[in-house]
Amino acid sequence: MSLSFFPITKEIYDYAVCHRSHGTDPIMLELRKATMALGDIAEMAIPPEEESFLSIIVAASKAEMAIEVGTFTGIGAMAIARALPPSGKLFCCEINPHWISIATPFWRKAGLESKIEVRIGPALDTIRSLSKESRFNFAFIDADKQNYENYYELLLPRMKENGLIIFDNMLWRGRVVNPDPSDKDSVALSRLNDKLKDDPRIESVLIPMADGIVIARKKG
């Protein structure tokens, strides 16, 4: 197989990040600054290019109902919510209320608070508790890696036809290629990548953006 691949240097990456929409959004920049001040744990936040990617995908798909599994300080939630129509709704599943306390003032400042509904607690319980009538156009999964497959199986029946599920961290810094059997996160993500590739219920692609993103479209 012939592949076209161009290695990305830090200089090229910085150039790409600078050439994106919303790059000067002052509220998002404030939220990202507050997140980076948390120290090493700030690595859990999605990078700038993924933030813009989510907004574009949500707007282009004309999603009205969205769900996010793993919200952290709310950067991804802001990216998704601002791309929803005025009547749109984003359900955020987050286990740690402290992260939501950081996110909420920025959502409010951006005028997005009415679009976002937060559910605190284990995401599996939250998804199971949603009304059977709840149907989503868009889902973003960025939480505990060993439960990704469980989130997927719970969410897929709740997705509308052509609904999109985005999985973050699907390259796991390359550790999914030959996962160490003792690394449960790498094993779980590698297994899920294999499953999604062959799942007849969806059409999917693994994109080497950030730490690897899978886009899965639910078939009719």
N, C-alpha and C. Protein backbone atom coordinates (compact mmCIF):
# COMPACT_ATOMS: atom_id res chain seq x y z
N MET A 1 0.85 -1.19 0.00
CA MET A 1 0.00 0.00 0.00
C MET A 1 0.89 1.25 0.00
N SER A 2 0.58 2.17 -0.88
CA SER A 2 1.34 3.42 -0.96
C SER A 2 0.65 4.47 -0.10
N LEU A 3 1.41 5.07 0.81
CA LEU A 3 0.86 6.09 1.69
C LEU A 3 1.56 7.41 1.48
N SER A 4 0.80 8.49 1.58
CA SER A 4 1.37 9.83 1.50
C SER A 4 1.35 10.40 2.92
N PHE A 5 2.54 10.58 3.49
CA PHE A 5 2.63 11.06 4.86
C PHE A 5 3.75 12.07 4.96
N PHE A 6 3.42 13.21 5.59
CA PHE A 6 4.42 14.25 5.77
C PHE A 6 4.59 14.50 7.26
N PRO A 7 5.78 14.26 7.82
CA PRO A 7 5.99 14.46 9.26
C PRO A 7 5.71 15.91 9.67
N ILE A 8 5.03 16.07 10.81
CA ILE A 8 4.68 17.39 11.30
C ILE A 8 5.70 17.83 12.35
N THR A 9 6.36 18.93 12.08
CA THR A 9 7.29 19.50 13.04
C THR A 9 6.53 20.47 13.95
N LYS A 10 7.18 20.88 15.04
CA LYS A 10 6.56 21.85 15.95
C LYS A 10 6.25 23.15 15.22
N GLU A 11 7.12 23.56 14.32
CA GLU A 11 6.91 24.79 13.57
C GLU A 11 5.66 24.68 12.68
N ILE A 12 5.51 23.54 12.00
CA ILE A 12 4.35 23.35 11.13
C ILE A 12 3.08 23.24 11.97
N TYR A 13 3.17 22.55 13.10
CA TYR A 13 2.00 22.44 13.97
C TYR A 13 1.54 23.81 14.45
N ASP A 14 2.47 24.63 14.92
CA ASP A 14 2.12 25.98 15.37
C ASP A 14 1.49 26.80 14.24
N TYR A 15 2.02 26.64 13.04
CA TYR A 15 1.47 27.34 11.87
C TYR A 15 0.02 26.91 11.64
N ALA A 16 -0.24 25.59 11.73
CA ALA A 16 -1.59 25.08 11.51
C ALA A 16 -2.55 25.60 12.56
N VAL A 17 -2.14 25.60 13.82
CA VAL A 17 -3.01 26.05 14.90
C VAL A 17 -3.35 27.53 14.75
N CYS A 18 -2.38 28.31 14.27
CA CYS A 18 -2.62 29.75 14.09
C CYS A 18 -3.58 30.04 12.94
N HIS A 19 -3.72 29.10 12.03
CA HIS A 19 -4.58 29.32 10.86
C HIS A 19 -5.88 28.54 11.00
N ARG A 20 -6.66 28.90 12.00
CA ARG A 20 -7.94 28.25 12.25
C ARG A 20 -8.94 29.30 12.73
N SER A 21 -10.21 29.02 12.52
CA SER A 21 -11.26 29.90 13.01
C SER A 21 -11.34 29.82 14.52
N HIS A 22 -11.88 30.83 15.15
CA HIS A 22 -12.05 30.90 16.60
C HIS A 22 -10.72 30.96 17.34
N GLY A 23 -9.63 31.11 16.63
CA GLY A 23 -8.34 31.11 17.28
C GLY A 23 -8.13 32.29 18.21
N THR A 24 -8.91 33.35 18.02
CA THR A 24 -8.76 34.53 18.87
C THR A 24 -9.99 34.74 19.75
N ASP A 25 -10.82 33.71 19.92
CA ASP A 25 -11.99 33.80 20.79
C ASP A 25 -11.51 34.10 22.21
N PRO A 26 -11.75 35.31 22.74
CA PRO A 26 -11.17 35.68 24.04
C PRO A 26 -11.67 34.83 25.20
N ILE A 27 -12.93 34.40 25.17
CA ILE A 27 -13.45 33.61 26.27
C ILE A 27 -12.83 32.21 26.26
N MET A 28 -12.71 31.62 25.07
CA MET A 28 -12.08 30.31 24.99
C MET A 28 -10.61 30.40 25.41
N LEU A 29 -9.95 31.48 25.03
CA LEU A 29 -8.55 31.66 25.43
C LEU A 29 -8.44 31.79 26.95
N GLU A 30 -9.39 32.47 27.57
CA GLU A 30 -9.39 32.59 29.03
C GLU A 30 -9.59 31.22 29.68
N LEU A 31 -10.53 30.45 29.14
CA LEU A 31 -10.79 29.12 29.68
C LEU A 31 -9.57 28.22 29.51
N ARG A 32 -8.95 28.28 28.37
CA ARG A 32 -7.75 27.45 28.14
C ARG A 32 -6.62 27.87 29.09
N LYS A 33 -6.49 29.18 29.34
CA LYS A 33 -5.46 29.66 30.26
C LYS A 33 -5.73 29.15 31.67
N ALA A 34 -7.00 29.18 32.08
CA ALA A 34 -7.37 28.68 33.41
C ALA A 34 -7.10 27.18 33.51
N THR A 35 -7.32 26.47 32.41
CA THR A 35 -7.08 25.03 32.39
C THR A 35 -5.59 24.73 32.46
N MET A 36 -4.78 25.45 31.69
CA MET A 36 -3.34 25.23 31.70
C MET A 36 -2.73 25.51 33.08
N ALA A 37 -3.37 26.39 33.85
CA ALA A 37 -2.87 26.72 35.18
C ALA A 37 -3.02 25.57 36.16
N LEU A 38 -3.74 24.53 35.78
CA LEU A 38 -3.94 23.38 36.67
C LEU A 38 -2.72 22.48 36.75
N GLY A 39 -1.75 22.69 35.86
CA GLY A 39 -0.54 21.86 35.89
C GLY A 39 -0.63 20.69 34.94
N ASP A 40 0.02 19.58 35.32
CA ASP A 40 0.13 18.43 34.42
C ASP A 40 -1.22 17.87 34.00
N ILE A 41 -2.21 17.97 34.86
CA ILE A 41 -3.53 17.40 34.54
C ILE A 41 -4.18 18.12 33.38
N ALA A 42 -3.68 19.31 33.06
CA ALA A 42 -4.23 20.07 31.93
C ALA A 42 -4.07 19.33 30.61
N GLU A 43 -3.22 18.29 30.59
CA GLU A 43 -3.07 17.48 29.38
C GLU A 43 -4.37 16.79 28.99
N MET A 44 -5.30 16.71 29.93
CA MET A 44 -6.59 16.09 29.63
C MET A 44 -7.43 16.95 28.68
N ALA A 45 -7.11 18.23 28.56
CA ALA A 45 -7.88 19.13 27.68
C ALA A 45 -7.59 18.84 26.22
N ILE A 46 -8.60 18.99 25.38
CA ILE A 46 -8.37 18.82 23.95
C ILE A 46 -7.53 19.98 23.43
N PRO A 47 -6.69 19.75 22.41
CA PRO A 47 -5.86 20.82 21.86
C PRO A 47 -6.67 21.77 20.98
N PRO A 48 -6.09 22.93 20.64
CA PRO A 48 -6.83 23.95 19.89
C PRO A 48 -7.41 23.47 18.56
N GLU A 49 -6.63 22.67 17.82
CA GLU A 49 -7.14 22.25 16.51
C GLU A 49 -8.34 21.31 16.66
N GLU A 50 -8.36 20.52 17.70
CA GLU A 50 -9.49 19.62 17.92
C GLU A 50 -10.73 20.41 18.35
N GLU A 51 -10.51 21.45 19.11
CA GLU A 51 -11.60 22.36 19.50
C GLU A 51 -12.31 22.89 18.25
N SER A 52 -11.54 23.43 17.30
CA SER A 52 -12.13 23.95 16.06
C SER A 52 -12.78 22.84 15.24
N PHE A 53 -12.13 21.68 15.21
CA PHE A 53 -12.66 20.53 14.47
C PHE A 53 -14.05 20.16 14.98
N LEU A 54 -14.22 20.10 16.30
CA LEU A 54 -15.52 19.75 16.87
C LEU A 54 -16.59 20.75 16.46
N SER A 55 -16.27 22.04 16.54
CA SER A 55 -17.26 23.06 16.17
C SER A 55 -17.69 22.92 14.71
N ILE A 56 -16.72 22.67 13.85
CA ILE A 56 -17.03 22.56 12.42
C ILE A 56 -17.90 21.34 12.14
N ILE A 57 -17.55 20.20 12.75
CA ILE A 57 -18.30 18.96 12.52
C ILE A 57 -19.72 19.09 13.05
N VAL A 58 -19.89 19.67 14.22
CA VAL A 58 -21.22 19.83 14.79
C VAL A 58 -22.07 20.75 13.92
N ALA A 59 -21.51 21.87 13.49
CA ALA A 59 -22.27 22.80 12.65
C ALA A 59 -22.59 22.19 11.29
N ALA A 60 -21.62 21.52 10.68
CA ALA A 60 -21.83 20.95 9.35
C ALA A 60 -22.87 19.83 9.37
N SER A 61 -22.94 19.08 10.47
CA SER A 61 -23.90 17.98 10.56
C SER A 61 -25.28 18.45 10.99
N LYS A 62 -25.38 19.74 11.31
CA LYS A 62 -26.65 20.34 11.74
C LYS A 62 -27.22 19.61 12.96
N ALA A 63 -26.33 19.24 13.85
CA ALA A 63 -26.74 18.55 15.07
C ALA A 63 -27.57 19.48 15.95
N GLU A 64 -28.56 18.90 16.59
CA GLU A 64 -29.40 19.64 17.53
C GLU A 64 -29.29 19.09 18.95
N MET A 65 -29.09 17.78 19.05
CA MET A 65 -28.95 17.14 20.35
C MET A 65 -27.59 16.47 20.42
N ALA A 66 -26.79 16.83 21.42
CA ALA A 66 -25.43 16.30 21.54
C ALA A 66 -25.19 15.83 22.97
N ILE A 67 -24.23 14.92 23.11
CA ILE A 67 -23.84 14.43 24.42
C ILE A 67 -22.32 14.31 24.46
N GLU A 68 -21.75 14.69 25.59
CA GLU A 68 -20.31 14.61 25.79
C GLU A 68 -20.04 13.74 27.01
N VAL A 69 -19.20 12.75 26.85
CA VAL A 69 -18.82 11.86 27.95
C VAL A 69 -17.42 12.23 28.39
N GLY A 70 -17.31 12.92 29.50
CA GLY A 70 -16.03 13.43 29.98
C GLY A 70 -15.88 14.88 29.58
N THR A 71 -16.16 15.80 30.50
CA THR A 71 -16.19 17.23 30.16
C THR A 71 -14.96 17.98 30.63
N PHE A 72 -14.33 17.54 31.70
CA PHE A 72 -13.17 18.21 32.29
C PHE A 72 -13.52 19.68 32.52
N THR A 73 -12.70 20.63 32.06
CA THR A 73 -12.96 22.05 32.34
C THR A 73 -13.84 22.72 31.29
N GLY A 74 -14.36 21.95 30.35
CA GLY A 74 -15.40 22.49 29.46
C GLY A 74 -14.96 23.08 28.14
N ILE A 75 -13.72 22.87 27.74
CA ILE A 75 -13.28 23.39 26.44
C ILE A 75 -14.04 22.72 25.30
N GLY A 76 -14.10 21.39 25.33
CA GLY A 76 -14.83 20.67 24.29
C GLY A 76 -16.30 21.01 24.31
N ALA A 77 -16.88 21.14 25.51
CA ALA A 77 -18.29 21.47 25.62
C ALA A 77 -18.59 22.84 25.01
N MET A 78 -17.72 23.81 25.24
CA MET A 78 -17.91 25.12 24.65
C MET A 78 -17.83 25.05 23.13
N ALA A 79 -16.87 24.27 22.63
CA ALA A 79 -16.72 24.13 21.18
C ALA A 79 -17.97 23.51 20.55
N ILE A 80 -18.53 22.52 21.23
CA ILE A 80 -19.73 21.85 20.71
C ILE A 80 -20.95 22.75 20.84
N ALA A 81 -21.16 23.32 22.02
CA ALA A 81 -22.38 24.10 22.30
C ALA A 81 -22.50 25.32 21.40
N ARG A 82 -21.38 25.97 21.13
CA ARG A 82 -21.48 27.19 20.32
C ARG A 82 -21.83 26.88 18.86
N ALA A 83 -21.66 25.62 18.45
CA ALA A 83 -22.00 25.23 17.09
C ALA A 83 -23.43 24.70 16.96
N LEU A 84 -24.09 24.50 18.10
CA LEU A 84 -25.48 24.06 18.07
C LEU A 84 -26.41 25.22 17.77
N PRO A 85 -27.60 24.97 17.21
CA PRO A 85 -28.56 26.05 16.99
C PRO A 85 -29.06 26.58 18.33
N PRO A 86 -29.74 27.73 18.33
CA PRO A 86 -30.23 28.31 19.59
C PRO A 86 -31.06 27.35 20.42
N SER A 87 -31.79 26.46 19.77
CA SER A 87 -32.64 25.51 20.48
C SER A 87 -31.91 24.21 20.82
N GLY A 88 -30.63 24.12 20.45
CA GLY A 88 -29.87 22.89 20.66
C GLY A 88 -29.56 22.64 22.12
N LYS A 89 -29.22 21.39 22.43
CA LYS A 89 -28.92 20.99 23.80
C LYS A 89 -27.72 20.05 23.82
N LEU A 90 -26.81 20.30 24.77
CA LEU A 90 -25.66 19.43 25.00
C LEU A 90 -25.74 18.88 26.41
N PHE A 91 -25.76 17.55 26.52
CA PHE A 91 -25.71 16.89 27.82
C PHE A 91 -24.25 16.56 28.12
N CYS A 92 -23.75 17.05 29.27
CA CYS A 92 -22.37 16.81 29.67
C CYS A 92 -22.33 15.81 30.81
N CYS A 93 -21.62 14.72 30.62
CA CYS A 93 -21.44 13.70 31.66
C CYS A 93 -20.06 13.88 32.28
N GLU A 94 -20.03 14.22 33.55
CA GLU A 94 -18.75 14.45 34.24
C GLU A 94 -18.85 13.94 35.67
N ILE A 95 -17.82 13.24 36.11
CA ILE A 95 -17.85 12.65 37.44
C ILE A 95 -17.33 13.59 38.52
N ASN A 96 -16.54 14.60 38.12
CA ASN A 96 -15.90 15.49 39.09
C ASN A 96 -16.53 16.87 39.06
N PRO A 97 -17.29 17.25 40.09
CA PRO A 97 -17.95 18.56 40.08
C PRO A 97 -16.97 19.74 40.09
N HIS A 98 -15.74 19.50 40.54
CA HIS A 98 -14.76 20.59 40.57
C HIS A 98 -14.48 21.11 39.16
N TRP A 99 -14.37 20.19 38.20
CA TRP A 99 -14.09 20.64 36.83
C TRP A 99 -15.25 21.48 36.29
N ILE A 100 -16.47 21.11 36.63
CA ILE A 100 -17.62 21.87 36.16
C ILE A 100 -17.67 23.25 36.81
N SER A 101 -17.20 23.35 38.05
CA SER A 101 -17.17 24.66 38.71
C SER A 101 -16.20 25.61 38.01
N ILE A 102 -15.17 25.06 37.36
CA ILE A 102 -14.26 25.88 36.57
C ILE A 102 -14.91 26.27 35.25
N ALA A 103 -15.61 25.33 34.64
CA ALA A 103 -16.18 25.55 33.31
C ALA A 103 -17.36 26.51 33.30
N THR A 104 -18.22 26.41 34.29
CA THR A 104 -19.51 27.11 34.26
C THR A 104 -19.41 28.62 34.07
N PRO A 105 -18.53 29.33 34.78
CA PRO A 105 -18.46 30.79 34.55
C PRO A 105 -18.11 31.17 33.12
N PHE A 106 -17.29 30.37 32.48
CA PHE A 106 -16.91 30.66 31.10
C PHE A 106 -18.07 30.36 30.14
N TRP A 107 -18.80 29.28 30.40
CA TRP A 107 -19.98 28.99 29.59
C TRP A 107 -20.99 30.12 29.70
N ARG A 108 -21.18 30.60 30.94
CA ARG A 108 -22.13 31.68 31.18
C ARG A 108 -21.69 32.94 30.44
N LYS A 109 -20.41 33.26 30.55
CA LYS A 109 -19.86 34.45 29.90
C LYS A 109 -20.02 34.38 28.39
N ALA A 110 -19.95 33.16 27.84
CA ALA A 110 -20.09 32.97 26.39
C ALA A 110 -21.54 32.88 25.96
N GLY A 111 -22.48 32.95 26.90
CA GLY A 111 -23.90 32.87 26.56
C GLY A 111 -24.36 31.47 26.17
N LEU A 112 -23.66 30.46 26.70
CA LEU A 112 -23.95 29.08 26.31
C LEU A 112 -24.62 28.27 27.41
N GLU A 113 -24.77 28.86 28.58
CA GLU A 113 -25.24 28.10 29.73
C GLU A 113 -26.60 27.46 29.50
N SER A 114 -27.48 28.12 28.75
CA SER A 114 -28.82 27.58 28.51
C SER A 114 -28.80 26.36 27.59
N LYS A 115 -27.72 26.18 26.83
CA LYS A 115 -27.61 25.05 25.91
C LYS A 115 -27.02 23.81 26.58
N ILE A 116 -26.40 24.00 27.76
CA ILE A 116 -25.63 22.92 28.38
C ILE A 116 -26.32 22.43 29.64
N GLU A 117 -26.51 21.12 29.71
CA GLU A 117 -27.06 20.48 30.91
C GLU A 117 -26.04 19.48 31.43
N VAL A 118 -25.59 19.68 32.66
CA VAL A 118 -24.55 18.84 33.24
C VAL A 118 -25.17 17.76 34.11
N ARG A 119 -24.68 16.55 33.97
CA ARG A 119 -25.06 15.44 34.83
C ARG A 119 -23.80 14.95 35.54
N ILE A 120 -23.76 15.13 36.86
CA ILE A 120 -22.61 14.71 37.67
C ILE A 120 -22.81 13.26 38.11
N GLY A 121 -21.78 12.44 37.92
CA GLY A 121 -21.84 11.05 38.32
C GLY A 121 -21.22 10.16 37.27
N PRO A 122 -21.14 8.86 37.51
CA PRO A 122 -20.60 7.93 36.51
C PRO A 122 -21.40 8.02 35.20
N ALA A 123 -20.69 8.18 34.10
CA ALA A 123 -21.35 8.40 32.82
C ALA A 123 -22.23 7.22 32.39
N LEU A 124 -21.81 6.01 32.73
CA LEU A 124 -22.63 4.85 32.37
C LEU A 124 -24.01 4.96 33.01
N ASP A 125 -24.05 5.37 34.28
CA ASP A 125 -25.33 5.53 34.96
C ASP A 125 -26.13 6.67 34.35
N THR A 126 -25.44 7.75 34.01
CA THR A 126 -26.13 8.90 33.41
C THR A 126 -26.78 8.52 32.09
N ILE A 127 -26.05 7.84 31.24
CA ILE A 127 -26.59 7.47 29.93
C ILE A 127 -27.78 6.52 30.09
N ARG A 128 -27.65 5.56 30.99
CA ARG A 128 -28.76 4.62 31.23
C ARG A 128 -30.00 5.34 31.76
N SER A 129 -29.80 6.44 32.49
CA SER A 129 -30.92 7.13 33.11
C SER A 129 -31.66 8.06 32.16
N LEU A 130 -31.08 8.33 30.99
CA LEU A 130 -31.72 9.24 30.05
C LEU A 130 -33.01 8.63 29.52
N SER A 131 -33.94 9.49 29.21
CA SER A 131 -35.22 9.04 28.65
C SER A 131 -34.99 8.20 27.40
N LYS A 132 -35.81 7.18 27.24
CA LYS A 132 -35.71 6.33 26.05
C LYS A 132 -35.98 7.12 24.78
N GLU A 133 -36.64 8.24 24.91
CA GLU A 133 -36.93 9.09 23.75
C GLU A 133 -35.74 9.96 23.37
N SER A 134 -34.72 10.02 24.23
CA SER A 134 -33.54 10.84 23.94
C SER A 134 -32.80 10.27 22.74
N ARG A 135 -32.62 11.09 21.73
CA ARG A 135 -31.90 10.69 20.53
C ARG A 135 -30.92 11.78 20.16
N PHE A 136 -29.70 11.38 19.86
CA PHE A 136 -28.63 12.35 19.64
C PHE A 136 -28.15 12.33 18.19
N ASN A 137 -27.74 13.52 17.73
CA ASN A 137 -27.10 13.65 16.42
C ASN A 137 -25.59 13.56 16.53
N PHE A 138 -25.09 13.84 17.76
CA PHE A 138 -23.64 13.97 17.93
C PHE A 138 -23.25 13.52 19.33
N ALA A 139 -22.15 12.77 19.42
CA ALA A 139 -21.60 12.35 20.72
C ALA A 139 -20.08 12.48 20.68
N PHE A 140 -19.52 12.92 21.80
CA PHE A 140 -18.07 13.05 21.93
C PHE A 140 -17.65 12.27 23.17
N ILE A 141 -16.80 11.26 22.99
CA ILE A 141 -16.37 10.40 24.08
C ILE A 141 -14.91 10.70 24.40
N ASP A 142 -14.67 11.19 25.62
CA ASP A 142 -13.32 11.56 26.05
C ASP A 142 -13.23 11.38 27.57
N ALA A 143 -13.37 10.15 28.02
CA ALA A 143 -13.39 9.87 29.46
C ALA A 143 -12.47 8.68 29.75
N ASP A 144 -12.79 7.88 30.75
CA ASP A 144 -11.95 6.73 31.12
C ASP A 144 -11.92 5.72 29.99
N LYS A 145 -10.72 5.39 29.59
CA LYS A 145 -10.51 4.63 28.35
C LYS A 145 -11.07 3.21 28.40
N GLN A 146 -11.01 2.58 29.56
CA GLN A 146 -11.46 1.19 29.65
C GLN A 146 -12.98 1.06 29.50
N ASN A 147 -13.69 2.16 29.61
CA ASN A 147 -15.14 2.12 29.43
C ASN A 147 -15.59 2.65 28.07
N TYR A 148 -14.65 2.99 27.20
CA TYR A 148 -15.03 3.52 25.88
C TYR A 148 -16.01 2.60 25.16
N GLU A 149 -15.71 1.31 25.15
CA GLU A 149 -16.57 0.37 24.44
C GLU A 149 -17.96 0.33 25.09
N ASN A 150 -18.04 0.41 26.40
CA ASN A 150 -19.33 0.43 27.09
C ASN A 150 -20.12 1.68 26.74
N TYR A 151 -19.43 2.83 26.71
CA TYR A 151 -20.10 4.07 26.31
C TYR A 151 -20.65 3.94 24.89
N TYR A 152 -19.83 3.40 24.03
CA TYR A 152 -20.23 3.22 22.63
C TYR A 152 -21.49 2.36 22.50
N GLU A 153 -21.51 1.24 23.18
CA GLU A 153 -22.65 0.33 23.06
C GLU A 153 -23.93 0.93 23.66
N LEU A 154 -23.78 1.75 24.68
CA LEU A 154 -24.95 2.42 25.25
C LEU A 154 -25.45 3.56 24.37
N LEU A 155 -24.50 4.26 23.75
CA LEU A 155 -24.87 5.44 22.97
C LEU A 155 -25.37 5.11 21.57
N LEU A 156 -24.80 4.09 20.94
CA LEU A 156 -25.16 3.82 19.54
C LEU A 156 -26.67 3.65 19.33
N PRO A 157 -27.39 2.92 20.18
CA PRO A 157 -28.84 2.81 19.98
C PRO A 157 -29.57 4.14 20.17
N ARG A 158 -28.92 5.09 20.84
CA ARG A 158 -29.54 6.38 21.08
C ARG A 158 -29.18 7.42 20.02
N MET A 159 -28.36 7.01 19.06
CA MET A 159 -27.97 7.94 17.99
C MET A 159 -28.97 7.88 16.85
N LYS A 160 -29.27 9.03 16.28
CA LYS A 160 -30.14 9.07 15.12
C LYS A 160 -29.38 8.55 13.90
N GLU A 161 -30.11 8.19 12.87
CA GLU A 161 -29.47 7.77 11.62
C GLU A 161 -28.54 8.88 11.15
N ASN A 162 -27.34 8.51 10.75
CA ASN A 162 -26.27 9.41 10.33
C ASN A 162 -25.68 10.21 11.48
N GLY A 163 -26.08 9.89 12.71
CA GLY A 163 -25.48 10.53 13.87
C GLY A 163 -24.00 10.21 13.97
N LEU A 164 -23.23 11.14 14.52
CA LEU A 164 -21.79 10.99 14.58
C LEU A 164 -21.33 10.77 16.02
N ILE A 165 -20.43 9.81 16.20
CA ILE A 165 -19.77 9.60 17.49
C ILE A 165 -18.28 9.84 17.28
N ILE A 166 -17.73 10.77 18.06
CA ILE A 166 -16.31 11.08 17.99
C ILE A 166 -15.62 10.50 19.23
N PHE A 167 -14.58 9.72 19.00
CA PHE A 167 -13.79 9.14 20.09
C PHE A 167 -12.44 9.84 20.13
N ASP A 168 -12.05 10.31 21.31
CA ASP A 168 -10.75 10.98 21.45
C ASP A 168 -9.70 9.99 21.95
N ASN A 169 -8.42 10.35 21.72
CA ASN A 169 -7.27 9.58 22.24
C ASN A 169 -7.18 8.16 21.70
N MET A 170 -7.57 7.95 20.46
CA MET A 170 -7.62 6.59 19.93
C MET A 170 -6.28 6.08 19.41
N LEU A 171 -5.24 6.91 19.42
CA LEU A 171 -3.88 6.43 19.15
C LEU A 171 -3.11 6.26 20.45
N TRP A 172 -3.56 6.94 21.50
CA TRP A 172 -2.99 6.78 22.84
C TRP A 172 -1.47 6.86 22.80
N ARG A 173 -1.00 7.93 22.13
CA ARG A 173 0.44 8.19 21.98
C ARG A 173 1.17 7.01 21.34
N GLY A 174 0.48 6.32 20.47
CA GLY A 174 1.09 5.21 19.73
C GLY A 174 1.05 3.88 20.45
N ARG A 175 0.58 3.88 21.68
CA ARG A 175 0.64 2.63 22.46
C ARG A 175 -0.39 1.60 22.02
N VAL A 176 -1.34 1.99 21.15
CA VAL A 176 -2.35 1.03 20.67
C VAL A 176 -1.80 0.11 19.60
N VAL A 177 -0.66 0.45 19.02
CA VAL A 177 -0.13 -0.34 17.90
C VAL A 177 0.27 -1.73 18.37
N ASN A 178 1.08 -1.79 19.40
CA ASN A 178 1.46 -3.08 20.01
C ASN A 178 1.30 -2.93 21.52
N PRO A 179 0.07 -2.95 22.00
CA PRO A 179 -0.16 -2.65 23.41
C PRO A 179 0.46 -3.65 24.36
N ASP A 180 1.04 -3.12 25.42
CA ASP A 180 1.56 -3.96 26.50
C ASP A 180 0.36 -4.59 27.21
N PRO A 181 0.32 -5.91 27.36
CA PRO A 181 -0.81 -6.56 28.01
C PRO A 181 -1.12 -6.03 29.41
N SER A 182 -0.13 -5.45 30.07
CA SER A 182 -0.35 -4.92 31.41
C SER A 182 -0.94 -3.51 31.40
N ASP A 183 -0.95 -2.89 30.23
CA ASP A 183 -1.50 -1.53 30.09
C ASP A 183 -2.96 -1.65 29.65
N LYS A 184 -3.86 -1.64 30.61
CA LYS A 184 -5.27 -1.92 30.33
C LYS A 184 -5.90 -0.86 29.43
N ASP A 185 -5.50 0.40 29.56
CA ASP A 185 -6.05 1.44 28.70
C ASP A 185 -5.67 1.21 27.24
N SER A 186 -4.39 0.91 27.00
CA SER A 186 -3.93 0.66 25.63
C SER A 186 -4.61 -0.56 25.03
N VAL A 187 -4.75 -1.60 25.81
CA VAL A 187 -5.40 -2.82 25.33
C VAL A 187 -6.86 -2.53 24.97
N ALA A 188 -7.55 -1.78 25.84
CA ALA A 188 -8.96 -1.47 25.60
C ALA A 188 -9.16 -0.64 24.34
N LEU A 189 -8.30 0.36 24.14
CA LEU A 189 -8.44 1.22 22.97
C LEU A 189 -8.06 0.48 21.69
N SER A 190 -7.02 -0.34 21.75
CA SER A 190 -6.62 -1.13 20.59
C SER A 190 -7.74 -2.08 20.18
N ARG A 191 -8.35 -2.73 21.15
CA ARG A 191 -9.46 -3.64 20.88
C ARG A 191 -10.65 -2.89 20.27
N LEU A 192 -10.91 -1.69 20.78
CA LEU A 192 -12.04 -0.91 20.25
C LEU A 192 -11.76 -0.45 18.83
N ASN A 193 -10.52 -0.04 18.54
CA ASN A 193 -10.18 0.34 17.17
C ASN A 193 -10.47 -0.80 16.20
N ASP A 194 -10.09 -2.01 16.59
CA ASP A 194 -10.36 -3.19 15.75
C ASP A 194 -11.86 -3.42 15.60
N LYS A 195 -12.59 -3.26 16.66
CA LYS A 195 -14.04 -3.48 16.63
C LYS A 195 -14.73 -2.46 15.73
N LEU A 196 -14.37 -1.19 15.86
CA LEU A 196 -15.02 -0.14 15.07
C LEU A 196 -14.75 -0.32 13.59
N LYS A 197 -13.55 -0.77 13.27
CA LYS A 197 -13.18 -0.97 11.86
C LYS A 197 -14.09 -1.97 11.17
N ASP A 198 -14.54 -2.96 11.91
CA ASP A 198 -15.32 -4.05 11.32
C ASP A 198 -16.80 -4.04 11.71
N ASP A 199 -17.23 -3.03 12.43
CA ASP A 199 -18.61 -2.98 12.92
C ASP A 199 -19.55 -2.60 11.77
N PRO A 200 -20.47 -3.48 11.37
CA PRO A 200 -21.35 -3.19 10.24
C PRO A 200 -22.40 -2.13 10.53
N ARG A 201 -22.54 -1.74 11.78
CA ARG A 201 -23.55 -0.74 12.15
C ARG A 201 -23.11 0.69 11.85
N ILE A 202 -21.81 0.85 11.60
CA ILE A 202 -21.26 2.19 11.42
C ILE A 202 -20.30 2.25 10.23
N GLU A 203 -19.97 3.47 9.86
CA GLU A 203 -18.86 3.75 8.96
C GLU A 203 -17.89 4.61 9.75
N SER A 204 -16.61 4.25 9.78
CA SER A 204 -15.70 4.97 10.65
C SER A 204 -14.34 5.20 10.00
N VAL A 205 -13.62 6.18 10.55
CA VAL A 205 -12.27 6.46 10.11
C VAL A 205 -11.47 6.94 11.32
N LEU A 206 -10.22 6.49 11.41
CA LEU A 206 -9.30 6.92 12.46
C LEU A 206 -8.37 7.96 11.86
N ILE A 207 -8.45 9.18 12.41
CA ILE A 207 -7.68 10.31 11.88
C ILE A 207 -6.52 10.62 12.82
N PRO A 208 -5.30 10.74 12.31
CA PRO A 208 -4.15 11.03 13.17
C PRO A 208 -4.06 12.51 13.53
N MET A 209 -5.15 13.05 14.07
CA MET A 209 -5.16 14.41 14.60
C MET A 209 -5.01 14.34 16.11
N ALA A 210 -4.26 15.28 16.69
CA ALA A 210 -4.05 15.29 18.13
C ALA A 210 -3.55 13.91 18.57
N ASP A 211 -4.27 13.24 19.47
CA ASP A 211 -3.86 11.90 19.93
C ASP A 211 -4.69 10.81 19.25
N GLY A 212 -5.21 11.13 18.07
CA GLY A 212 -6.01 10.16 17.32
C GLY A 212 -7.48 10.33 17.58
N ILE A 213 -8.25 10.55 16.51
CA ILE A 213 -9.68 10.74 16.61
C ILE A 213 -10.38 9.76 15.68
N VAL A 214 -11.35 9.04 16.20
CA VAL A 214 -12.20 8.21 15.35
C VAL A 214 -13.54 8.92 15.16
N ILE A 215 -13.97 9.00 13.91
CA ILE A 215 -15.31 9.50 13.59
C ILE A 215 -16.13 8.30 13.12
N ALA A 216 -17.24 8.05 13.79
CA ALA A 216 -18.11 6.94 13.42
C ALA A 216 -19.49 7.49 13.07
N ARG A 217 -20.00 7.11 11.90
CA ARG A 217 -21.34 7.51 11.46
C ARG A 217 -22.28 6.32 11.57
N LYS A 218 -23.39 6.51 12.26
CA LYS A 218 -24.36 5.43 12.38
C LYS A 218 -25.11 5.27 11.06
N LYS A 219 -25.12 4.04 10.55
CA LYS A 219 -25.81 3.74 9.31
C LYS A 219 -27.31 3.63 9.55
N GLY A 220 -28.06 3.72 8.47
CA GLY A 220 -29.52 3.59 8.57
C GLY A 220 -29.94 2.16 8.82
